[in-house]
N, C-alpha and C. Protein backbone atom coordinates (compact mmCIF):
# COMPACT_ATOMS: atom_id res chain seq x y z
N MET A 1 68.52 148.50 87.88
CA MET A 1 67.38 147.69 87.54
C MET A 1 67.24 147.68 86.02
N SER A 2 66.89 146.52 85.47
CA SER A 2 66.78 146.42 84.02
C SER A 2 65.36 146.70 83.55
N LEU A 3 65.24 147.00 82.28
CA LEU A 3 63.95 147.33 81.67
C LEU A 3 63.36 146.07 81.04
N ASP A 4 62.10 145.81 81.29
CA ASP A 4 61.43 144.63 80.73
C ASP A 4 61.37 144.72 79.21
N ASN A 5 61.48 143.58 78.52
CA ASN A 5 61.49 143.56 77.05
C ASN A 5 60.21 144.13 76.45
N SER A 6 59.08 143.98 77.12
CA SER A 6 57.83 144.48 76.57
C SER A 6 57.76 146.00 76.60
N LEU A 7 58.59 146.64 77.39
CA LEU A 7 58.58 148.10 77.50
C LEU A 7 59.60 148.78 76.59
N LYS A 8 60.47 147.99 75.99
CA LYS A 8 61.48 148.57 75.11
C LYS A 8 60.85 148.92 73.77
N ALA A 9 61.15 150.11 73.28
CA ALA A 9 60.62 150.55 71.99
C ALA A 9 61.59 150.16 70.89
N GLY A 10 61.07 149.69 69.78
CA GLY A 10 61.90 149.36 68.64
C GLY A 10 62.39 150.61 67.96
N SER A 11 63.22 150.44 66.95
CA SER A 11 63.75 151.60 66.24
C SER A 11 62.66 152.31 65.44
N LYS A 12 61.64 151.57 65.03
CA LYS A 12 60.51 152.16 64.33
C LYS A 12 59.30 151.26 64.53
N MET A 13 58.15 151.77 64.16
CA MET A 13 56.94 150.98 64.33
C MET A 13 56.94 149.80 63.37
N LYS A 14 56.35 148.72 63.80
CA LYS A 14 56.30 147.52 62.97
C LYS A 14 55.17 147.60 61.95
N ARG A 15 54.19 148.45 62.17
CA ARG A 15 53.06 148.55 61.26
C ARG A 15 52.92 150.00 60.79
N PRO A 16 52.27 150.20 59.65
CA PRO A 16 52.10 151.58 59.16
C PRO A 16 51.12 152.37 60.02
N ARG A 17 51.34 153.66 60.14
CA ARG A 17 50.43 154.52 60.89
C ARG A 17 49.21 154.83 60.04
N ASN A 18 48.06 154.99 60.67
CA ASN A 18 46.87 155.33 59.92
C ASN A 18 46.50 156.80 60.06
N VAL A 19 47.33 157.56 60.76
CA VAL A 19 47.10 158.99 60.94
C VAL A 19 48.39 159.71 60.61
N LEU A 20 48.29 160.75 59.78
CA LEU A 20 49.46 161.54 59.43
C LEU A 20 49.56 162.77 60.31
N LYS A 21 50.78 163.25 60.51
CA LYS A 21 50.98 164.50 61.22
C LYS A 21 50.59 165.64 60.30
N ARG A 22 50.39 166.82 60.86
CA ARG A 22 49.91 167.97 60.07
C ARG A 22 50.85 168.28 58.91
N GLY A 23 52.14 168.28 59.17
CA GLY A 23 53.12 168.57 58.12
C GLY A 23 53.08 167.53 57.00
N GLU A 24 52.90 166.27 57.37
CA GLU A 24 52.83 165.21 56.37
C GLU A 24 51.56 165.34 55.53
N ARG A 25 50.46 165.76 56.17
CA ARG A 25 49.21 165.97 55.43
C ARG A 25 49.35 167.11 54.43
N ILE A 26 50.04 168.19 54.85
CA ILE A 26 50.25 169.33 53.95
C ILE A 26 51.11 168.91 52.76
N GLU A 27 52.17 168.12 53.01
CA GLU A 27 53.01 167.64 51.92
C GLU A 27 52.21 166.79 50.94
N GLN A 28 51.32 165.95 51.46
CA GLN A 28 50.49 165.11 50.61
C GLN A 28 49.53 165.95 49.78
N LEU A 29 48.95 166.99 50.40
CA LEU A 29 48.05 167.89 49.67
C LEU A 29 48.79 168.65 48.57
N LYS A 30 50.03 169.08 48.86
CA LYS A 30 50.83 169.76 47.84
C LYS A 30 51.12 168.84 46.67
N ALA A 31 51.41 167.57 46.96
CA ALA A 31 51.69 166.61 45.90
C ALA A 31 50.47 166.38 45.03
N ASP A 32 49.28 166.45 45.62
CA ASP A 32 48.03 166.26 44.88
C ASP A 32 47.48 167.56 44.30
N ASP A 33 48.21 168.66 44.43
CA ASP A 33 47.80 170.00 43.96
C ASP A 33 46.47 170.43 44.57
N LYS A 34 46.27 170.12 45.84
CA LYS A 34 45.06 170.53 46.54
C LYS A 34 45.36 171.55 47.63
N TRP A 35 46.61 171.99 47.74
CA TRP A 35 47.02 172.92 48.78
C TRP A 35 47.12 174.32 48.18
N ILE A 36 46.50 175.28 48.84
CA ILE A 36 46.56 176.67 48.41
C ILE A 36 47.52 177.40 49.34
N GLU A 37 48.54 178.06 48.78
CA GLU A 37 49.50 178.79 49.61
C GLU A 37 48.79 179.87 50.41
N GLY A 38 49.16 180.01 51.66
CA GLY A 38 48.55 180.99 52.53
C GLY A 38 47.32 180.46 53.25
N GLN A 39 46.92 179.24 52.93
CA GLN A 39 45.77 178.61 53.58
C GLN A 39 46.14 178.24 55.01
N THR A 40 45.19 178.30 55.93
CA THR A 40 45.46 177.95 57.31
C THR A 40 45.65 176.44 57.43
N ALA A 41 46.48 176.03 58.38
CA ALA A 41 46.77 174.61 58.58
C ALA A 41 45.74 173.94 59.47
N LEU A 42 44.75 174.70 59.93
CA LEU A 42 43.70 174.12 60.75
C LEU A 42 42.54 173.68 59.87
N GLY A 43 41.92 172.59 60.23
CA GLY A 43 40.77 172.10 59.47
C GLY A 43 41.15 171.53 58.13
N LEU A 44 42.27 170.82 58.06
CA LEU A 44 42.71 170.24 56.80
C LEU A 44 41.79 169.10 56.38
N PRO A 45 41.62 168.90 55.09
CA PRO A 45 40.81 167.76 54.64
C PRO A 45 41.54 166.44 54.91
N LYS A 46 40.77 165.36 54.92
CA LYS A 46 41.35 164.04 55.15
C LYS A 46 42.24 163.67 53.98
N VAL A 47 43.30 162.92 54.27
CA VAL A 47 44.24 162.48 53.25
C VAL A 47 44.40 160.98 53.40
N ARG A 48 44.28 160.27 52.30
CA ARG A 48 44.42 158.83 52.34
C ARG A 48 45.88 158.46 52.58
N VAL A 49 46.10 157.50 53.47
CA VAL A 49 47.44 157.05 53.79
C VAL A 49 47.76 155.86 52.90
N MET A 50 48.81 156.00 52.12
CA MET A 50 49.21 154.91 51.24
C MET A 50 50.12 153.97 52.01
N LYS A 51 49.75 152.71 52.04
CA LYS A 51 50.54 151.71 52.76
C LYS A 51 51.73 151.29 51.90
N ALA A 52 52.85 151.10 52.55
CA ALA A 52 54.04 150.65 51.83
C ALA A 52 53.87 149.18 51.48
N VAL A 53 54.15 148.84 50.24
CA VAL A 53 54.02 147.46 49.79
C VAL A 53 55.40 146.83 49.78
N ILE A 54 55.51 145.73 50.49
CA ILE A 54 56.77 145.01 50.54
C ILE A 54 56.74 143.95 49.44
N GLY A 55 57.76 143.95 48.62
CA GLY A 55 57.80 143.02 47.50
C GLY A 55 57.90 141.58 47.96
N LYS A 56 57.20 140.71 47.27
CA LYS A 56 57.24 139.29 47.59
C LYS A 56 58.37 138.64 46.81
N LYS A 57 58.92 137.60 47.39
CA LYS A 57 59.98 136.87 46.71
C LYS A 57 59.37 136.03 45.60
N LYS A 58 60.06 135.98 44.49
CA LYS A 58 59.59 135.18 43.37
C LYS A 58 59.94 133.72 43.63
N LYS A 59 59.03 132.85 43.25
CA LYS A 59 59.27 131.43 43.40
C LYS A 59 60.28 130.98 42.34
N LYS A 60 61.19 130.13 42.74
CA LYS A 60 62.17 129.62 41.82
C LYS A 60 61.54 128.55 40.93
N THR A 61 61.89 128.57 39.68
CA THR A 61 61.44 127.54 38.76
C THR A 61 62.64 126.71 38.34
N LYS A 62 62.40 125.68 37.60
CA LYS A 62 63.48 124.82 37.15
C LYS A 62 64.44 125.56 36.23
N ASP A 63 63.92 126.53 35.48
CA ASP A 63 64.74 127.26 34.52
C ASP A 63 65.68 128.26 35.20
N ASP A 64 65.29 128.78 36.38
CA ASP A 64 66.08 129.81 37.06
C ASP A 64 67.33 129.25 37.73
N LYS A 65 67.30 128.12 38.28
CA LYS A 65 68.37 127.48 39.05
C LYS A 65 69.19 128.48 39.76
């Protein structure tokens, strides 16, 4: 029996996630110098998720040809 197309998972999500995993939050806190070594991983502060920006194509002008 074949699997319906709506049930097939892509190689990755099409949209950015709005929730980070615990390890990703700790890495973000370390990058912002807000992580204290030896601190418990429970009750971590919220971390803003930076969305990836996809570059837009530049419009061609007469000079660019």
